Amino acid sequence: MAKKSSKEATSSALALDADLRIAAAPALRDTLLAALASGGPVGIDGSAVAQVDTAALQLLAAFSRDARAAGRTVTWTGVSDPLQRGVAVLGLNSLIELPAHAGVN
């Protein structure tokens, strides 16, 4: 359940939805798989995320791992407090690789 940004023509930029709980996991998975398959770098905007659970964080971790294995660059253009906290609580910092200076909202 993420939306492509206006930069879609030049990269696989996507904006994560505000609600990233388990009900959103299937759509998030499809979006992340499409971004991975599209080739090139992927920019993710997580600034709108207000609610996140383990299911979504597991998907983001698997996506980051798979992107790295494919030699793809993943950059974060924004990270909300709930997203930052969720990643930290689950110890997924090294997998998801949020920027240390993320624009935390």
N, C-alpha and C. Protein backbone atom coordinates (compact mmCIF):
# COMPACT_ATOMS: atom_id res chain seq x y z
N MET A 1 0.83 -1.18 0.00
CA MET A 1 0.00 0.00 0.00
C MET A 1 0.88 1.25 0.00
N ALA A 2 1.79 1.27 -0.88
CA ALA A 2 2.63 2.45 -1.03
C ALA A 2 2.34 3.05 -2.38
N LYS A 3 2.57 4.32 -2.49
CA LYS A 3 2.27 5.02 -3.72
C LYS A 3 3.55 5.47 -4.39
N LYS A 4 3.55 5.37 -5.71
CA LYS A 4 4.69 5.87 -6.48
C LYS A 4 4.66 7.39 -6.45
N SER A 5 5.85 7.98 -6.37
CA SER A 5 5.92 9.43 -6.37
C SER A 5 5.98 9.94 -7.80
N SER A 6 6.04 11.26 -7.96
CA SER A 6 6.11 11.85 -9.28
C SER A 6 7.44 11.58 -9.95
N LYS A 7 8.42 11.05 -9.21
CA LYS A 7 9.73 10.72 -9.77
C LYS A 7 9.72 9.35 -10.42
N GLU A 8 8.57 8.74 -10.56
CA GLU A 8 8.43 7.38 -11.03
C GLU A 8 9.15 7.14 -12.36
N ALA A 9 9.19 8.11 -13.23
CA ALA A 9 9.79 7.92 -14.54
C ALA A 9 11.31 7.72 -14.45
N THR A 10 11.96 8.28 -13.44
CA THR A 10 13.41 8.18 -13.36
C THR A 10 13.90 7.18 -12.33
N SER A 11 13.08 6.78 -11.40
CA SER A 11 13.50 5.80 -10.40
C SER A 11 12.28 5.10 -9.84
N SER A 12 12.52 4.19 -8.91
CA SER A 12 11.42 3.47 -8.28
C SER A 12 11.09 4.10 -6.94
N ALA A 13 10.85 5.39 -6.92
CA ALA A 13 10.54 6.08 -5.67
C ALA A 13 9.14 5.71 -5.21
N LEU A 14 8.99 5.49 -3.92
CA LEU A 14 7.67 5.18 -3.39
C LEU A 14 7.49 5.82 -2.02
N ALA A 15 6.26 6.16 -1.75
CA ALA A 15 5.90 6.76 -0.46
C ALA A 15 5.10 5.74 0.34
N LEU A 16 5.57 5.42 1.52
CA LEU A 16 4.88 4.46 2.37
C LEU A 16 3.62 5.09 2.95
N ASP A 17 2.58 4.28 3.10
CA ASP A 17 1.32 4.74 3.66
C ASP A 17 1.44 5.00 5.16
N ALA A 18 0.47 5.71 5.70
CA ALA A 18 0.46 6.02 7.13
C ALA A 18 0.24 4.77 7.98
N ASP A 19 -0.58 3.85 7.50
CA ASP A 19 -0.89 2.64 8.26
C ASP A 19 -0.18 1.44 7.64
N LEU A 20 0.89 1.00 8.28
CA LEU A 20 1.64 -0.16 7.81
C LEU A 20 1.52 -1.31 8.81
N ARG A 21 0.29 -1.67 9.09
CA ARG A 21 0.06 -2.82 9.96
C ARG A 21 -0.25 -4.04 9.10
N ILE A 22 -0.50 -5.17 9.71
CA ILE A 22 -0.59 -6.44 9.01
C ILE A 22 -1.60 -6.44 7.85
N ALA A 23 -2.68 -5.72 7.96
CA ALA A 23 -3.66 -5.68 6.87
C ALA A 23 -3.07 -5.07 5.60
N ALA A 24 -2.07 -4.23 5.75
CA ALA A 24 -1.44 -3.58 4.60
C ALA A 24 -0.28 -4.41 4.03
N ALA A 25 0.10 -5.48 4.71
CA ALA A 25 1.28 -6.25 4.33
C ALA A 25 1.23 -6.81 2.90
N PRO A 26 0.12 -7.41 2.45
CA PRO A 26 0.12 -7.95 1.09
C PRO A 26 0.35 -6.87 0.02
N ALA A 27 -0.29 -5.74 0.16
CA ALA A 27 -0.10 -4.67 -0.82
C ALA A 27 1.31 -4.09 -0.74
N LEU A 28 1.85 -3.95 0.48
CA LEU A 28 3.21 -3.45 0.65
C LEU A 28 4.19 -4.42 0.00
N ARG A 29 3.99 -5.70 0.20
CA ARG A 29 4.86 -6.72 -0.40
C ARG A 29 4.85 -6.59 -1.92
N ASP A 30 3.67 -6.47 -2.51
CA ASP A 30 3.57 -6.33 -3.97
C ASP A 30 4.29 -5.09 -4.47
N THR A 31 4.14 -3.99 -3.75
CA THR A 31 4.79 -2.74 -4.13
C THR A 31 6.30 -2.85 -4.05
N LEU A 32 6.79 -3.47 -2.98
CA LEU A 32 8.23 -3.61 -2.81
C LEU A 32 8.82 -4.56 -3.86
N LEU A 33 8.10 -5.64 -4.17
CA LEU A 33 8.58 -6.55 -5.20
C LEU A 33 8.63 -5.86 -6.57
N ALA A 34 7.63 -5.04 -6.86
CA ALA A 34 7.62 -4.31 -8.13
C ALA A 34 8.77 -3.32 -8.19
N ALA A 35 9.05 -2.66 -7.08
CA ALA A 35 10.17 -1.71 -7.03
C ALA A 35 11.49 -2.43 -7.24
N LEU A 36 11.63 -3.60 -6.67
CA LEU A 36 12.85 -4.38 -6.82
C LEU A 36 13.02 -4.84 -8.27
N ALA A 37 11.93 -5.23 -8.89
CA ALA A 37 11.98 -5.73 -10.27
C ALA A 37 12.18 -4.63 -11.30
N SER A 38 11.92 -3.39 -10.93
CA SER A 38 11.96 -2.30 -11.90
C SER A 38 13.38 -1.91 -12.31
N GLY A 39 14.38 -2.30 -11.55
CA GLY A 39 15.76 -1.94 -11.87
C GLY A 39 16.09 -0.54 -11.40
N GLY A 40 17.35 -0.32 -11.12
CA GLY A 40 17.78 1.01 -10.68
C GLY A 40 17.61 1.23 -9.20
N PRO A 41 17.98 2.41 -8.74
CA PRO A 41 17.88 2.73 -7.31
C PRO A 41 16.42 2.90 -6.87
N VAL A 42 16.20 2.70 -5.59
CA VAL A 42 14.86 2.84 -5.02
C VAL A 42 14.92 3.88 -3.91
N GLY A 43 14.07 4.88 -4.00
CA GLY A 43 13.93 5.87 -2.94
C GLY A 43 12.65 5.59 -2.19
N ILE A 44 12.72 5.58 -0.87
CA ILE A 44 11.55 5.31 -0.04
C ILE A 44 11.32 6.50 0.88
N ASP A 45 10.08 6.99 0.87
CA ASP A 45 9.68 8.06 1.77
C ASP A 45 8.82 7.46 2.87
N GLY A 46 9.36 7.39 4.07
CA GLY A 46 8.63 6.83 5.19
C GLY A 46 8.14 7.88 6.17
N SER A 47 8.09 9.13 5.70
CA SER A 47 7.72 10.23 6.60
C SER A 47 6.25 10.20 7.02
N ALA A 48 5.38 9.55 6.26
CA ALA A 48 3.95 9.54 6.58
C ALA A 48 3.56 8.38 7.49
N VAL A 49 4.46 7.46 7.75
CA VAL A 49 4.12 6.27 8.54
C VAL A 49 3.75 6.68 9.96
N ALA A 50 2.51 6.37 10.34
CA ALA A 50 2.03 6.68 11.69
C ALA A 50 1.90 5.42 12.54
N GLN A 51 1.61 4.28 11.87
CA GLN A 51 1.46 3.01 12.57
C GLN A 51 2.20 1.94 11.79
N VAL A 52 3.01 1.17 12.48
CA VAL A 52 3.77 0.11 11.83
C VAL A 52 3.86 -1.07 12.78
N ASP A 53 3.81 -2.27 12.21
CA ASP A 53 3.95 -3.45 13.06
C ASP A 53 5.03 -4.37 12.51
N THR A 54 5.21 -5.48 13.17
CA THR A 54 6.28 -6.40 12.84
C THR A 54 6.17 -6.92 11.40
N ALA A 55 4.95 -7.17 10.93
CA ALA A 55 4.78 -7.70 9.57
C ALA A 55 5.38 -6.75 8.53
N ALA A 56 5.08 -5.48 8.64
CA ALA A 56 5.60 -4.50 7.68
C ALA A 56 7.11 -4.34 7.83
N LEU A 57 7.59 -4.34 9.06
CA LEU A 57 9.03 -4.20 9.28
C LEU A 57 9.79 -5.41 8.74
N GLN A 58 9.20 -6.60 8.84
CA GLN A 58 9.83 -7.78 8.26
C GLN A 58 9.90 -7.66 6.74
N LEU A 59 8.85 -7.13 6.13
CA LEU A 59 8.85 -6.93 4.68
C LEU A 59 9.92 -5.92 4.27
N LEU A 60 10.03 -4.83 5.01
CA LEU A 60 11.05 -3.83 4.69
C LEU A 60 12.46 -4.40 4.86
N ALA A 61 12.64 -5.23 5.88
CA ALA A 61 13.95 -5.84 6.10
C ALA A 61 14.29 -6.82 4.97
N ALA A 62 13.33 -7.64 4.57
CA ALA A 62 13.56 -8.59 3.48
C ALA A 62 13.82 -7.85 2.17
N PHE A 63 13.07 -6.78 1.93
CA PHE A 63 13.27 -5.97 0.73
C PHE A 63 14.69 -5.38 0.72
N SER A 64 15.11 -4.83 1.84
CA SER A 64 16.45 -4.24 1.92
C SER A 64 17.52 -5.30 1.68
N ARG A 65 17.35 -6.45 2.27
CA ARG A 65 18.30 -7.55 2.08
C ARG A 65 18.36 -7.97 0.61
N ASP A 66 17.19 -8.13 -0.01
CA ASP A 66 17.14 -8.56 -1.41
C ASP A 66 17.69 -7.49 -2.35
N ALA A 67 17.41 -6.23 -2.05
CA ALA A 67 17.94 -5.14 -2.87
C ALA A 67 19.46 -5.12 -2.80
N ARG A 68 19.99 -5.26 -1.60
CA ARG A 68 21.44 -5.28 -1.42
C ARG A 68 22.06 -6.44 -2.18
N ALA A 69 21.44 -7.61 -2.10
CA ALA A 69 21.94 -8.80 -2.79
C ALA A 69 21.92 -8.62 -4.31
N ALA A 70 20.97 -7.82 -4.80
CA ALA A 70 20.86 -7.55 -6.23
C ALA A 70 21.72 -6.37 -6.66
N GLY A 71 22.45 -5.78 -5.71
CA GLY A 71 23.30 -4.63 -6.04
C GLY A 71 22.53 -3.34 -6.23
N ARG A 72 21.33 -3.30 -5.68
CA ARG A 72 20.46 -2.12 -5.80
C ARG A 72 20.69 -1.17 -4.64
N THR A 73 20.59 0.12 -4.90
CA THR A 73 20.70 1.14 -3.87
C THR A 73 19.32 1.51 -3.36
N VAL A 74 19.17 1.52 -2.04
CA VAL A 74 17.92 1.94 -1.40
C VAL A 74 18.23 3.18 -0.57
N THR A 75 17.53 4.26 -0.83
CA THR A 75 17.71 5.49 -0.06
C THR A 75 16.39 5.87 0.60
N TRP A 76 16.51 6.49 1.76
CA TRP A 76 15.34 6.95 2.51
C TRP A 76 15.29 8.47 2.42
N THR A 77 14.14 8.99 1.99
CA THR A 77 13.99 10.44 1.89
C THR A 77 13.28 11.03 3.09
N GLY A 78 12.73 10.20 3.93
CA GLY A 78 12.06 10.64 5.14
C GLY A 78 11.72 9.44 6.00
N VAL A 79 11.76 9.64 7.31
CA VAL A 79 11.47 8.55 8.25
C VAL A 79 10.69 9.14 9.41
N SER A 80 9.52 8.57 9.69
CA SER A 80 8.71 9.05 10.81
C SER A 80 9.22 8.48 12.12
N ASP A 81 8.81 9.10 13.23
CA ASP A 81 9.17 8.58 14.55
C ASP A 81 8.71 7.14 14.75
N PRO A 82 7.43 6.82 14.42
CA PRO A 82 6.98 5.43 14.62
C PRO A 82 7.81 4.42 13.81
N LEU A 83 8.18 4.78 12.60
CA LEU A 83 9.00 3.88 11.78
C LEU A 83 10.38 3.73 12.39
N GLN A 84 10.98 4.82 12.78
CA GLN A 84 12.32 4.80 13.40
C GLN A 84 12.30 3.95 14.67
N ARG A 85 11.28 4.15 15.51
CA ARG A 85 11.18 3.38 16.76
C ARG A 85 10.97 1.90 16.50
N GLY A 86 10.10 1.57 15.55
CA GLY A 86 9.83 0.17 15.23
C GLY A 86 11.08 -0.56 14.77
N VAL A 87 11.83 0.08 13.91
CA VAL A 87 13.08 -0.52 13.41
C VAL A 87 14.05 -0.73 14.58
N ALA A 88 14.16 0.26 15.45
CA ALA A 88 15.09 0.17 16.58
C ALA A 88 14.65 -0.91 17.58
N VAL A 89 13.36 -0.95 17.91
CA VAL A 89 12.86 -1.91 18.90
C VAL A 89 13.11 -3.34 18.44
N LEU A 90 12.93 -3.60 17.15
CA LEU A 90 13.13 -4.95 16.64
C LEU A 90 14.59 -5.24 16.27
N GLY A 91 15.45 -4.25 16.42
CA GLY A 91 16.86 -4.46 16.12
C GLY A 91 17.14 -4.66 14.64
N LEU A 92 16.37 -3.99 13.79
CA LEU A 92 16.51 -4.16 12.34
C LEU A 92 17.34 -3.06 11.69
N ASN A 93 18.02 -2.26 12.49
CA ASN A 93 18.79 -1.12 11.96
C ASN A 93 19.78 -1.53 10.87
N SER A 94 20.51 -2.61 11.10
CA SER A 94 21.53 -3.01 10.13
C SER A 94 20.92 -3.58 8.86
N LEU A 95 19.71 -4.12 8.93
CA LEU A 95 19.05 -4.64 7.73
C LEU A 95 18.35 -3.55 6.93
N ILE A 96 17.57 -2.73 7.61
CA ILE A 96 16.77 -1.72 6.92
C ILE A 96 17.60 -0.49 6.58
N GLU A 97 18.63 -0.23 7.34
CA GLU A 97 19.57 0.86 7.07
C GLU A 97 18.92 2.23 6.91
N LEU A 98 18.15 2.62 7.92
CA LEU A 98 17.62 4.00 7.94
C LEU A 98 18.80 4.93 8.15
N PRO A 99 18.77 6.10 7.55
CA PRO A 99 19.88 7.02 7.74
C PRO A 99 19.93 7.51 9.18
N ALA A 100 21.14 7.68 9.70
CA ALA A 100 21.32 8.13 11.07
C ALA A 100 20.72 9.51 11.28
N HIS A 101 20.76 10.32 10.26
CA HIS A 101 20.24 11.69 10.33
C HIS A 101 18.87 11.80 9.70
N ALA A 102 18.11 10.68 9.71
CA ALA A 102 16.81 10.65 9.04
C ALA A 102 15.95 11.82 9.49
N GLY A 103 15.20 12.35 8.56
CA GLY A 103 14.28 13.44 8.87
C GLY A 103 13.12 12.92 9.67
N VAL A 104 13.36 12.62 10.91
CA VAL A 104 12.36 12.03 11.77
C VAL A 104 11.26 13.05 12.06
N ASN A 105 10.03 12.62 11.87
CA ASN A 105 8.86 13.49 12.09
C ASN A 105 8.18 13.12 13.38
